[in-house]
Amino acid sequence: MPRTQQEASTSLRDRKKDRTRRAIQSAGLLLFAQKGFQATTIEEIAAAADVAPRTLFRYFPTKEEIVFWPAYRPLLAEFIAARPGDEPAVAALCHAVVDALSAFYDQDRERVLERLKLAFRTPALHPRLRQEQAISAFAMAKVLAGRLHMSAENLEIRAIAAAVAAALWVAVEEWQATDGGADLRTLIDRALTTVLAGDVRSSATTAT
């Protein structure tokens, strides 16, 4: 079905906004790498991105948002919905996490790597990093609960989601620690397989 003029105009505006966000983020990441996160000012980032500070704030309310945008979470529900209906719910969640993150990271690997290195290696960003893990666990609880037709507040649902989220962040931390030298999908798969099996020995052979 042909797109309407309004739809085309909206799509064009969205693309322009995305380009502006990426330009600001690129400028911010470069300055953070050169000067350090805390030493870099909003005014410096805005000047490097050739935008006014007030424009920068429309896209990124804080410097932390420059590091942590975008998030993969909106993709998770789509990927878990695509899993086979007869697949066990926890396995479906783990596979959806691997697929969603792989798709997300494969689009922009180097930028994602730089963001993660900055987040993990900057103490000032660690509180936000812990917040992101909690938000990830909540998002996983919601999609898992939806698949099982249960409440996301259920203790078991929350516990499983928290374990999966923690395993995911351990894998991501390992990936950035190797400066991207390890394969991200393999690390995530190993971490989640260990959680599913509940036995370190189950994945030990893949570590060699």
N, C-alpha and C. Protein backbone atom coordinates (compact mmCIF):
# COMPACT_ATOMS: atom_id res chain seq x y z
N MET A 1 0.84 -1.19 0.00
CA MET A 1 0.00 0.00 0.00
C MET A 1 0.89 1.25 0.00
N PRO A 2 0.66 2.20 -0.93
CA PRO A 2 1.50 3.40 -0.99
C PRO A 2 1.39 4.21 0.29
N ARG A 3 2.50 4.80 0.69
CA ARG A 3 2.48 5.63 1.88
C ARG A 3 1.83 6.97 1.58
N THR A 4 1.13 7.54 2.56
CA THR A 4 0.54 8.85 2.39
C THR A 4 1.63 9.90 2.51
N GLN A 5 1.31 11.14 2.06
CA GLN A 5 2.28 12.23 2.14
C GLN A 5 2.65 12.51 3.60
N GLN A 6 1.65 12.40 4.49
CA GLN A 6 1.92 12.63 5.91
C GLN A 6 2.86 11.58 6.47
N GLU A 7 2.64 10.30 6.08
CA GLU A 7 3.51 9.23 6.54
C GLU A 7 4.93 9.42 6.04
N ALA A 8 5.07 9.82 4.78
CA ALA A 8 6.40 10.04 4.22
C ALA A 8 7.10 11.19 4.93
N SER A 9 6.33 12.26 5.24
CA SER A 9 6.90 13.40 5.93
C SER A 9 7.35 13.02 7.34
N THR A 10 6.52 12.20 8.03
CA THR A 10 6.87 11.75 9.38
C THR A 10 8.13 10.89 9.34
N SER A 11 8.21 10.00 8.34
CA SER A 11 9.38 9.14 8.21
C SER A 11 10.63 9.97 7.97
N LEU A 12 10.53 11.01 7.15
CA LEU A 12 11.68 11.87 6.87
C LEU A 12 12.12 12.60 8.13
N ARG A 13 11.15 13.10 8.89
CA ARG A 13 11.49 13.79 10.14
C ARG A 13 12.17 12.84 11.12
N ASP A 14 11.68 11.60 11.19
CA ASP A 14 12.28 10.62 12.09
C ASP A 14 13.71 10.32 11.70
N ARG A 15 13.96 10.21 10.39
CA ARG A 15 15.32 9.95 9.93
C ARG A 15 16.25 11.12 10.25
N LYS A 16 15.74 12.34 10.09
CA LYS A 16 16.54 13.51 10.41
C LYS A 16 16.86 13.56 11.90
N LYS A 17 15.87 13.24 12.73
CA LYS A 17 16.10 13.21 14.17
C LYS A 17 17.13 12.15 14.55
N ASP A 18 17.03 11.01 13.88
CA ASP A 18 17.98 9.94 14.18
C ASP A 18 19.39 10.33 13.78
N ARG A 19 19.53 11.00 12.65
CA ARG A 19 20.86 11.45 12.22
C ARG A 19 21.43 12.48 13.20
N THR A 20 20.56 13.36 13.69
CA THR A 20 21.02 14.35 14.66
C THR A 20 21.45 13.68 15.95
N ARG A 21 20.66 12.71 16.43
CA ARG A 21 21.03 11.98 17.65
C ARG A 21 22.37 11.28 17.48
N ARG A 22 22.55 10.65 16.34
CA ARG A 22 23.79 9.92 16.11
C ARG A 22 24.97 10.87 16.00
N ALA A 23 24.77 12.04 15.39
CA ALA A 23 25.85 13.02 15.28
C ALA A 23 26.26 13.53 16.66
N ILE A 24 25.27 13.79 17.50
CA ILE A 24 25.56 14.25 18.86
C ILE A 24 26.28 13.15 19.64
N GLN A 25 25.77 11.91 19.51
CA GLN A 25 26.40 10.81 20.23
C GLN A 25 27.83 10.59 19.74
N SER A 26 28.06 10.65 18.45
CA SER A 26 29.41 10.46 17.91
C SER A 26 30.36 11.52 18.47
N ALA A 27 29.90 12.76 18.49
CA ALA A 27 30.73 13.84 19.03
C ALA A 27 31.00 13.62 20.51
N GLY A 28 29.97 13.19 21.24
CA GLY A 28 30.14 12.96 22.67
C GLY A 28 31.10 11.83 22.96
N LEU A 29 30.95 10.72 22.26
CA LEU A 29 31.82 9.58 22.49
C LEU A 29 33.28 9.90 22.18
N LEU A 30 33.49 10.68 21.11
CA LEU A 30 34.86 11.06 20.76
C LEU A 30 35.47 11.94 21.86
N LEU A 31 34.70 12.89 22.35
CA LEU A 31 35.20 13.77 23.40
C LEU A 31 35.40 13.01 24.72
N PHE A 32 34.49 12.10 25.02
CA PHE A 32 34.65 11.31 26.23
C PHE A 32 35.94 10.50 26.19
N ALA A 33 36.23 9.95 25.00
CA ALA A 33 37.45 9.16 24.84
C ALA A 33 38.70 10.03 24.97
N GLN A 34 38.60 11.26 24.50
CA GLN A 34 39.77 12.16 24.51
C GLN A 34 39.98 12.83 25.87
N LYS A 35 38.88 13.27 26.50
CA LYS A 35 39.00 14.09 27.70
C LYS A 35 38.52 13.40 28.97
N GLY A 36 37.75 12.32 28.79
CA GLY A 36 37.11 11.70 29.93
C GLY A 36 35.67 12.14 30.05
N PHE A 37 34.83 11.28 30.60
CA PHE A 37 33.40 11.57 30.67
C PHE A 37 33.12 12.80 31.53
N GLN A 38 33.66 12.84 32.73
CA GLN A 38 33.33 13.92 33.64
C GLN A 38 33.93 15.26 33.23
N ALA A 39 35.05 15.24 32.55
CA ALA A 39 35.70 16.49 32.15
C ALA A 39 35.07 17.12 30.92
N THR A 40 34.25 16.37 30.20
CA THR A 40 33.62 16.87 28.98
C THR A 40 32.32 17.59 29.32
N THR A 41 32.13 18.77 28.76
CA THR A 41 30.92 19.54 29.03
C THR A 41 29.90 19.38 27.91
N ILE A 42 28.65 19.66 28.26
CA ILE A 42 27.58 19.66 27.27
C ILE A 42 27.86 20.66 26.16
N GLU A 43 28.39 21.83 26.55
CA GLU A 43 28.69 22.87 25.56
C GLU A 43 29.73 22.40 24.55
N GLU A 44 30.72 21.65 25.02
CA GLU A 44 31.75 21.13 24.12
C GLU A 44 31.16 20.10 23.15
N ILE A 45 30.29 19.25 23.66
CA ILE A 45 29.66 18.25 22.79
C ILE A 45 28.79 18.94 21.75
N ALA A 46 28.00 19.92 22.18
CA ALA A 46 27.13 20.64 21.25
C ALA A 46 27.94 21.32 20.16
N ALA A 47 29.04 21.96 20.55
CA ALA A 47 29.88 22.64 19.56
C ALA A 47 30.47 21.65 18.57
N ALA A 48 30.92 20.49 19.07
CA ALA A 48 31.50 19.47 18.19
C ALA A 48 30.47 18.89 17.23
N ALA A 49 29.21 18.82 17.69
CA ALA A 49 28.14 18.28 16.85
C ALA A 49 27.48 19.36 16.00
N ASP A 50 27.91 20.62 16.18
CA ASP A 50 27.39 21.76 15.43
C ASP A 50 25.89 21.96 15.70
N VAL A 51 25.52 21.84 16.97
CA VAL A 51 24.15 22.14 17.39
C VAL A 51 24.21 23.04 18.62
N ALA A 52 23.10 23.69 18.91
CA ALA A 52 23.03 24.51 20.12
C ALA A 52 22.85 23.61 21.34
N PRO A 53 23.34 24.02 22.50
CA PRO A 53 23.12 23.21 23.71
C PRO A 53 21.65 22.89 23.95
N ARG A 54 20.76 23.83 23.70
CA ARG A 54 19.33 23.55 23.91
C ARG A 54 18.83 22.47 22.96
N THR A 55 19.41 22.40 21.77
CA THR A 55 19.04 21.33 20.83
C THR A 55 19.55 20.00 21.36
N LEU A 56 20.76 19.99 21.86
CA LEU A 56 21.31 18.76 22.44
C LEU A 56 20.41 18.24 23.56
N PHE A 57 19.95 19.14 24.41
CA PHE A 57 19.11 18.73 25.54
C PHE A 57 17.76 18.17 25.09
N ARG A 58 17.30 18.58 23.92
CA ARG A 58 16.04 18.01 23.42
C ARG A 58 16.22 16.53 23.08
N TYR A 59 17.43 16.16 22.66
CA TYR A 59 17.70 14.78 22.30
C TYR A 59 18.25 13.97 23.47
N PHE A 60 19.07 14.60 24.28
CA PHE A 60 19.71 13.91 25.40
C PHE A 60 19.62 14.79 26.65
N PRO A 61 18.71 14.49 27.56
CA PRO A 61 18.54 15.32 28.76
C PRO A 61 19.78 15.36 29.65
N THR A 62 20.61 14.32 29.60
CA THR A 62 21.81 14.25 30.43
C THR A 62 22.97 13.69 29.60
N LYS A 63 24.18 13.85 30.11
CA LYS A 63 25.35 13.26 29.43
C LYS A 63 25.25 11.74 29.44
N GLU A 64 24.69 11.17 30.52
CA GLU A 64 24.56 9.71 30.61
C GLU A 64 23.75 9.15 29.45
N GLU A 65 22.72 9.88 29.05
CA GLU A 65 21.88 9.40 27.95
C GLU A 65 22.66 9.29 26.65
N ILE A 66 23.66 10.12 26.47
CA ILE A 66 24.48 10.05 25.26
C ILE A 66 25.19 8.70 25.20
N VAL A 67 25.62 8.22 26.35
CA VAL A 67 26.32 6.94 26.41
C VAL A 67 25.35 5.78 26.24
N PHE A 68 24.19 5.85 26.87
CA PHE A 68 23.33 4.67 26.95
C PHE A 68 22.26 4.60 25.86
N TRP A 69 22.10 5.61 25.02
CA TRP A 69 21.16 5.51 23.91
C TRP A 69 21.83 4.80 22.74
N PRO A 70 21.12 3.91 22.03
CA PRO A 70 19.76 3.45 22.26
C PRO A 70 19.75 2.15 23.06
N ALA A 71 18.58 1.67 23.42
CA ALA A 71 18.44 0.41 24.15
C ALA A 71 17.83 -0.64 23.25
N TYR A 72 18.20 -1.90 23.49
CA TYR A 72 17.70 -2.99 22.65
C TYR A 72 16.33 -3.49 23.11
N ARG A 73 15.86 -3.06 24.28
CA ARG A 73 14.69 -3.68 24.91
C ARG A 73 13.45 -3.73 24.03
N PRO A 74 13.14 -2.67 23.25
CA PRO A 74 11.94 -2.77 22.41
C PRO A 74 11.97 -3.96 21.44
N LEU A 75 13.16 -4.43 21.08
CA LEU A 75 13.27 -5.55 20.16
C LEU A 75 12.93 -6.88 20.83
N LEU A 76 13.07 -6.95 22.15
CA LEU A 76 12.97 -8.23 22.83
C LEU A 76 11.60 -8.86 22.67
N ALA A 77 10.54 -8.08 22.81
CA ALA A 77 9.19 -8.62 22.68
C ALA A 77 8.96 -9.20 21.29
N GLU A 78 9.51 -8.52 20.27
CA GLU A 78 9.35 -9.01 18.90
C GLU A 78 10.05 -10.36 18.71
N PHE A 79 11.24 -10.48 19.25
CA PHE A 79 12.00 -11.71 19.05
C PHE A 79 11.42 -12.88 19.85
N ILE A 80 10.91 -12.61 21.05
CA ILE A 80 10.33 -13.72 21.80
C ILE A 80 9.01 -14.15 21.18
N ALA A 81 8.29 -13.22 20.56
CA ALA A 81 7.05 -13.57 19.88
C ALA A 81 7.32 -14.46 18.67
N ALA A 82 8.52 -14.34 18.11
CA ALA A 82 8.88 -15.13 16.93
C ALA A 82 9.36 -16.53 17.27
N ARG A 83 9.59 -16.81 18.56
CA ARG A 83 10.05 -18.15 18.96
C ARG A 83 8.92 -19.16 18.80
N PRO A 84 9.27 -20.45 18.55
CA PRO A 84 8.23 -21.48 18.39
C PRO A 84 7.32 -21.54 19.61
N GLY A 85 6.04 -21.75 19.35
CA GLY A 85 5.06 -21.76 20.43
C GLY A 85 5.27 -22.87 21.44
N ASP A 86 5.87 -24.00 21.01
CA ASP A 86 6.07 -25.12 21.93
C ASP A 86 7.42 -25.09 22.63
N GLU A 87 8.19 -24.03 22.42
CA GLU A 87 9.49 -23.92 23.08
C GLU A 87 9.29 -23.52 24.54
N PRO A 88 9.99 -24.17 25.48
CA PRO A 88 9.87 -23.77 26.89
C PRO A 88 10.11 -22.27 27.05
N ALA A 89 9.35 -21.64 27.93
CA ALA A 89 9.34 -20.19 28.04
C ALA A 89 10.71 -19.61 28.36
N VAL A 90 11.43 -20.22 29.31
CA VAL A 90 12.73 -19.67 29.70
C VAL A 90 13.74 -19.82 28.55
N ALA A 91 13.70 -20.95 27.88
CA ALA A 91 14.59 -21.14 26.72
C ALA A 91 14.25 -20.13 25.63
N ALA A 92 12.95 -19.89 25.43
CA ALA A 92 12.52 -18.90 24.42
C ALA A 92 13.05 -17.52 24.77
N LEU A 93 12.99 -17.18 26.05
CA LEU A 93 13.51 -15.88 26.48
C LEU A 93 15.00 -15.78 26.22
N CYS A 94 15.74 -16.81 26.58
CA CYS A 94 17.19 -16.79 26.38
C CYS A 94 17.55 -16.68 24.90
N HIS A 95 16.88 -17.45 24.07
CA HIS A 95 17.15 -17.39 22.63
C HIS A 95 16.76 -16.03 22.06
N ALA A 96 15.66 -15.46 22.55
CA ALA A 96 15.24 -14.14 22.08
C ALA A 96 16.25 -13.07 22.46
N VAL A 97 16.81 -13.20 23.66
CA VAL A 97 17.84 -12.25 24.10
C VAL A 97 19.05 -12.31 23.17
N VAL A 98 19.50 -13.52 22.86
CA VAL A 98 20.65 -13.68 21.96
C VAL A 98 20.35 -13.08 20.59
N ASP A 99 19.17 -13.40 20.04
CA ASP A 99 18.81 -12.91 18.71
C ASP A 99 18.66 -11.39 18.69
N ALA A 100 17.99 -10.84 19.71
CA ALA A 100 17.75 -9.40 19.74
C ALA A 100 19.06 -8.63 19.88
N LEU A 101 19.91 -9.08 20.78
CA LEU A 101 21.17 -8.38 20.98
C LEU A 101 22.10 -8.52 19.79
N SER A 102 22.09 -9.68 19.18
CA SER A 102 22.94 -9.87 18.01
C SER A 102 22.51 -8.94 16.89
N ALA A 103 21.19 -8.86 16.67
CA ALA A 103 20.68 -7.97 15.62
C ALA A 103 21.00 -6.52 15.95
N PHE A 104 20.85 -6.16 17.20
CA PHE A 104 21.09 -4.79 17.64
C PHE A 104 22.56 -4.42 17.51
N TYR A 105 23.46 -5.28 18.00
CA TYR A 105 24.87 -4.99 17.98
C TYR A 105 25.46 -5.09 16.58
N ASP A 106 24.95 -6.02 15.78
CA ASP A 106 25.49 -6.19 14.44
C ASP A 106 25.26 -4.96 13.58
N GLN A 107 24.26 -4.15 13.91
CA GLN A 107 23.98 -2.95 13.12
C GLN A 107 25.05 -1.88 13.30
N ASP A 108 25.67 -1.85 14.47
CA ASP A 108 26.57 -0.74 14.78
C ASP A 108 27.61 -1.19 15.80
N ARG A 109 28.36 -2.23 15.47
CA ARG A 109 29.21 -2.91 16.44
C ARG A 109 30.21 -1.99 17.12
N GLU A 110 30.94 -1.19 16.36
CA GLU A 110 32.00 -0.38 16.95
C GLU A 110 31.46 0.70 17.88
N ARG A 111 30.35 1.30 17.50
CA ARG A 111 29.75 2.33 18.35
C ARG A 111 29.27 1.72 19.66
N VAL A 112 28.62 0.55 19.55
CA VAL A 112 28.13 -0.12 20.75
C VAL A 112 29.29 -0.50 21.66
N LEU A 113 30.37 -0.99 21.07
CA LEU A 113 31.54 -1.38 21.85
C LEU A 113 32.11 -0.17 22.60
N GLU A 114 32.24 0.95 21.93
CA GLU A 114 32.77 2.14 22.58
C GLU A 114 31.87 2.59 23.72
N ARG A 115 30.57 2.52 23.52
CA ARG A 115 29.63 2.90 24.59
C ARG A 115 29.78 1.99 25.80
N LEU A 116 29.89 0.69 25.55
CA LEU A 116 30.00 -0.25 26.65
C LEU A 116 31.33 -0.11 27.38
N LYS A 117 32.41 0.09 26.65
CA LYS A 117 33.71 0.31 27.29
C LYS A 117 33.65 1.54 28.19
N LEU A 118 33.04 2.58 27.70
CA LEU A 118 32.93 3.80 28.48
C LEU A 118 32.09 3.56 29.73
N ALA A 119 30.97 2.86 29.57
CA ALA A 119 30.07 2.63 30.70
C ALA A 119 30.72 1.78 31.78
N PHE A 120 31.41 0.72 31.38
CA PHE A 120 32.00 -0.19 32.36
C PHE A 120 33.29 0.37 32.97
N ARG A 121 33.97 1.25 32.25
CA ARG A 121 35.27 1.72 32.71
C ARG A 121 35.23 3.12 33.32
N THR A 122 34.03 3.68 33.46
CA THR A 122 33.86 5.00 34.06
C THR A 122 33.06 4.85 35.35
N PRO A 123 33.71 4.95 36.51
CA PRO A 123 33.00 4.77 37.78
C PRO A 123 31.75 5.64 37.91
N ALA A 124 31.78 6.84 37.38
CA ALA A 124 30.63 7.74 37.49
C ALA A 124 29.40 7.19 36.78
N LEU A 125 29.60 6.27 35.84
CA LEU A 125 28.48 5.70 35.09
C LEU A 125 27.99 4.38 35.67
N HIS A 126 28.66 3.86 36.68
CA HIS A 126 28.27 2.56 37.23
C HIS A 126 26.88 2.55 37.85
N PRO A 127 26.44 3.61 38.55
CA PRO A 127 25.05 3.60 39.04
C PRO A 127 24.04 3.46 37.91
N ARG A 128 24.28 4.17 36.81
CA ARG A 128 23.37 4.06 35.67
C ARG A 128 23.45 2.66 35.05
N LEU A 129 24.64 2.07 35.07
CA LEU A 129 24.81 0.72 34.53
C LEU A 129 23.98 -0.27 35.34
N ARG A 130 24.00 -0.14 36.67
CA ARG A 130 23.18 -1.01 37.51
C ARG A 130 21.69 -0.77 37.28
N GLN A 131 21.34 0.47 37.04
CA GLN A 131 19.94 0.78 36.73
C GLN A 131 19.52 0.11 35.43
N GLU A 132 20.40 0.14 34.43
CA GLU A 132 20.08 -0.50 33.15
C GLU A 132 19.87 -2.00 33.33
N GLN A 133 20.66 -2.63 34.20
CA GLN A 133 20.48 -4.06 34.44
C GLN A 133 19.12 -4.32 35.07
N ALA A 134 18.73 -3.48 36.02
CA ALA A 134 17.42 -3.64 36.66
C ALA A 134 16.29 -3.43 35.66
N ILE A 135 16.45 -2.46 34.79
CA ILE A 135 15.42 -2.20 33.77
C ILE A 135 15.34 -3.38 32.80
N SER A 136 16.50 -3.94 32.46
CA SER A 136 16.52 -5.11 31.58
C SER A 136 15.79 -6.28 32.22
N ALA A 137 16.03 -6.50 33.52
CA ALA A 137 15.37 -7.60 34.23
C ALA A 137 13.86 -7.39 34.24
N PHE A 138 13.42 -6.16 34.43
CA PHE A 138 11.99 -5.87 34.44
C PHE A 138 11.37 -6.13 33.07
N ALA A 139 12.08 -5.70 32.01
CA ALA A 139 11.58 -5.92 30.65
C ALA A 139 11.48 -7.41 30.34
N MET A 140 12.48 -8.18 30.80
CA MET A 140 12.46 -9.62 30.57
C MET A 140 11.34 -10.28 31.36
N ALA A 141 11.09 -9.80 32.56
CA ALA A 141 9.98 -10.34 33.36
C ALA A 141 8.65 -10.13 32.64
N LYS A 142 8.50 -8.98 32.02
CA LYS A 142 7.25 -8.68 31.32
C LYS A 142 7.03 -9.61 30.13
N VAL A 143 8.07 -9.81 29.32
CA VAL A 143 7.90 -10.65 28.14
C VAL A 143 7.76 -12.12 28.52
N LEU A 144 8.47 -12.53 29.57
CA LEU A 144 8.35 -13.91 30.04
C LEU A 144 6.97 -14.15 30.62
N ALA A 145 6.48 -13.22 31.41
CA ALA A 145 5.15 -13.34 31.99
C ALA A 145 4.09 -13.38 30.90
N GLY A 146 4.28 -12.57 29.86
CA GLY A 146 3.32 -12.57 28.77
C GLY A 146 3.27 -13.92 28.06
N ARG A 147 4.41 -14.54 27.88
CA ARG A 147 4.43 -15.84 27.21
C ARG A 147 3.78 -16.92 28.07
N LEU A 148 3.93 -16.78 29.40
CA LEU A 148 3.38 -17.78 30.31
C LEU A 148 1.98 -17.41 30.82
N HIS A 149 1.48 -16.25 30.40
CA HIS A 149 0.16 -15.76 30.84
C HIS A 149 0.11 -15.67 32.36
N MET A 150 1.17 -15.07 32.90
CA MET A 150 1.28 -14.88 34.34
C MET A 150 1.58 -13.41 34.62
N SER A 151 1.58 -13.07 35.89
CA SER A 151 1.91 -11.70 36.29
C SER A 151 3.42 -11.50 36.30
N ALA A 152 3.85 -10.34 35.83
CA ALA A 152 5.27 -10.00 35.86
C ALA A 152 5.76 -9.80 37.29
N GLU A 153 4.83 -9.69 38.24
CA GLU A 153 5.19 -9.52 39.65
C GLU A 153 5.42 -10.86 40.35
N ASN A 154 5.13 -11.96 39.66
CA ASN A 154 5.32 -13.28 40.24
C ASN A 154 6.78 -13.46 40.66
N LEU A 155 7.00 -14.01 41.86
CA LEU A 155 8.35 -14.13 42.39
C LEU A 155 9.25 -14.95 41.48
N GLU A 156 8.75 -16.10 41.00
CA GLU A 156 9.57 -16.98 40.15
C GLU A 156 9.90 -16.30 38.82
N ILE A 157 8.91 -15.59 38.27
CA ILE A 157 9.14 -14.87 37.01
C ILE A 157 10.24 -13.82 37.21
N ARG A 158 10.14 -13.07 38.28
CA ARG A 158 11.13 -12.03 38.55
C ARG A 158 12.51 -12.63 38.79
N ALA A 159 12.56 -13.76 39.50
CA ALA A 159 13.85 -14.38 39.80
C ALA A 159 14.53 -14.87 38.52
N ILE A 160 13.75 -15.51 37.65
CA ILE A 160 14.32 -16.01 36.39
C ILE A 160 14.80 -14.84 35.53
N ALA A 161 13.96 -13.80 35.43
CA ALA A 161 14.33 -12.65 34.61
C ALA A 161 15.59 -11.97 35.16
N ALA A 162 15.69 -11.88 36.47
CA ALA A 162 16.88 -11.26 37.07
C ALA A 162 18.13 -12.08 36.78
N ALA A 163 17.99 -13.42 36.83
CA ALA A 163 19.14 -14.28 36.55
C ALA A 163 19.57 -14.15 35.09
N VAL A 164 18.61 -14.11 34.18
CA VAL A 164 18.93 -13.97 32.76
C VAL A 164 19.58 -12.62 32.50
N ALA A 165 19.02 -11.56 33.09
CA ALA A 165 19.59 -10.22 32.90
C ALA A 165 21.01 -10.15 33.44
N ALA A 166 21.24 -10.74 34.62
CA ALA A 166 22.58 -10.72 35.19
C ALA A 166 23.57 -11.47 34.30
N ALA A 167 23.15 -12.63 33.77
CA ALA A 167 24.02 -13.39 32.88
C ALA A 167 24.34 -12.60 31.61
N LEU A 168 23.34 -11.92 31.11
CA LEU A 168 23.54 -11.09 29.92
C LEU A 168 24.58 -10.01 30.16
N TRP A 169 24.48 -9.32 31.28
CA TRP A 169 25.41 -8.23 31.56
C TRP A 169 26.81 -8.74 31.86
N VAL A 170 26.91 -9.93 32.43
CA VAL A 170 28.23 -10.54 32.63
C VAL A 170 28.89 -10.80 31.27
N ALA A 171 28.10 -11.31 30.33
CA ALA A 171 28.64 -11.58 28.99
C ALA A 171 29.05 -10.29 28.29
N VAL A 172 28.22 -9.26 28.41
CA VAL A 172 28.53 -7.98 27.79
C VAL A 172 29.78 -7.37 28.41
N GLU A 173 29.90 -7.49 29.73
CA GLU A 173 31.10 -6.98 30.40
C GLU A 173 32.35 -7.71 29.91
N GLU A 174 32.25 -9.01 29.75
CA GLU A 174 33.37 -9.80 29.25
C GLU A 174 33.75 -9.34 27.84
N TRP A 175 32.76 -9.09 27.02
CA TRP A 175 32.99 -8.67 25.63
C TRP A 175 33.76 -7.35 25.58
N GLN A 176 33.31 -6.37 26.38
CA GLN A 176 34.01 -5.08 26.34
C GLN A 176 35.40 -5.19 26.96
N ALA A 177 35.56 -6.11 27.92
CA ALA A 177 36.88 -6.27 28.55
C ALA A 177 37.91 -6.80 27.57
N THR A 178 37.45 -7.54 26.55
CA THR A 178 38.35 -8.05 25.52
C THR A 178 38.50 -7.06 24.36
N ASP A 179 37.93 -5.84 24.55
CA ASP A 179 37.93 -4.83 23.47
C ASP A 179 37.26 -5.37 22.21
N GLY A 180 36.24 -6.21 22.41
CA GLY A 180 35.49 -6.75 21.29
C GLY A 180 36.18 -7.92 20.60
N GLY A 181 37.28 -8.42 21.18
CA GLY A 181 38.00 -9.51 20.54
C GLY A 181 37.26 -10.83 20.59
N ALA A 182 36.46 -11.03 21.63
CA ALA A 182 35.66 -12.24 21.73
C ALA A 182 34.37 -12.07 20.92
N ASP A 183 33.72 -13.18 20.61
CA ASP A 183 32.47 -13.12 19.87
C ASP A 183 31.33 -12.90 20.85
N LEU A 184 30.57 -11.82 20.67
CA LEU A 184 29.53 -11.46 21.61
C LEU A 184 28.43 -12.52 21.70
N ARG A 185 27.98 -13.00 20.55
CA ARG A 185 26.91 -14.01 20.56
C ARG A 185 27.36 -15.24 21.35
N THR A 186 28.61 -15.68 21.15
CA THR A 186 29.10 -16.85 21.86
C THR A 186 29.14 -16.61 23.36
N LEU A 187 29.59 -15.44 23.77
CA LEU A 187 29.64 -15.12 25.20
C LEU A 187 28.25 -15.11 25.82
N ILE A 188 27.31 -14.48 25.14
CA ILE A 188 25.94 -14.44 25.66
C ILE A 188 25.35 -15.83 25.73
N ASP A 189 25.56 -16.60 24.67
CA ASP A 189 25.03 -17.96 24.64
C ASP A 189 25.62 -18.81 25.76
N ARG A 190 26.92 -18.68 26.00
CA ARG A 190 27.56 -19.43 27.09
C ARG A 190 26.97 -19.04 28.44
N ALA A 191 26.83 -17.74 28.67
CA ALA A 191 26.30 -17.27 29.95
C ALA A 191 24.87 -17.74 30.18
N LEU A 192 24.05 -17.64 29.15
CA LEU A 192 22.65 -18.02 29.30
C LEU A 192 22.50 -19.54 29.39
N THR A 193 23.33 -20.28 28.67
CA THR A 193 23.29 -21.74 28.76
C THR A 193 23.63 -22.19 30.18
N THR A 194 24.58 -21.51 30.80
CA THR A 194 24.95 -21.83 32.18
C THR A 194 23.79 -21.58 33.12
N VAL A 195 23.08 -20.48 32.90
CA VAL A 195 21.92 -20.18 33.74
C VAL A 195 20.82 -21.23 33.54
N LEU A 196 20.58 -21.59 32.31
CA LEU A 196 19.55 -22.60 32.02
C LEU A 196 19.88 -23.94 32.66
N ALA A 197 21.16 -24.31 32.59
CA ALA A 197 21.55 -25.62 33.09
C ALA A 197 21.76 -25.61 34.60
N GLY A 198 22.09 -24.45 35.14
CA GLY A 198 22.37 -24.36 36.57
C GLY A 198 23.63 -25.10 36.97
N ASP A 199 24.56 -25.24 36.03
CA ASP A 199 25.77 -26.03 36.30
C ASP A 199 26.90 -25.44 35.46
N VAL A 200 27.94 -24.95 36.11
CA VAL A 200 29.06 -24.35 35.39
C VAL A 200 29.71 -25.34 34.45
N ARG A 201 29.74 -26.61 34.82
CA ARG A 201 30.41 -27.61 33.98
C ARG A 201 29.74 -27.77 32.64
N SER A 202 28.45 -27.43 32.55
CA SER A 202 27.71 -27.62 31.29
C SER A 202 28.26 -26.77 30.16
N SER A 203 28.87 -25.64 30.51
CA SER A 203 29.40 -24.75 29.45
C SER A 203 30.91 -24.65 29.49
N ALA A 204 31.53 -25.35 30.40
CA ALA A 204 32.99 -25.22 30.54
C ALA A 204 33.73 -25.67 29.29
N THR A 205 33.18 -26.65 28.59
CA THR A 205 33.88 -27.17 27.41
C THR A 205 33.89 -26.16 26.28
N THR A 206 32.94 -25.21 26.28
CA THR A 206 32.90 -24.21 25.20
C THR A 206 33.84 -23.07 25.45
N ALA A 207 34.43 -23.03 26.64
CA ALA A 207 35.31 -21.91 26.98
C ALA A 207 36.71 -22.09 26.41
N THR A 208 37.02 -23.30 25.98
CA THR A 208 38.37 -23.57 25.48
C THR A 208 38.44 -23.33 23.99
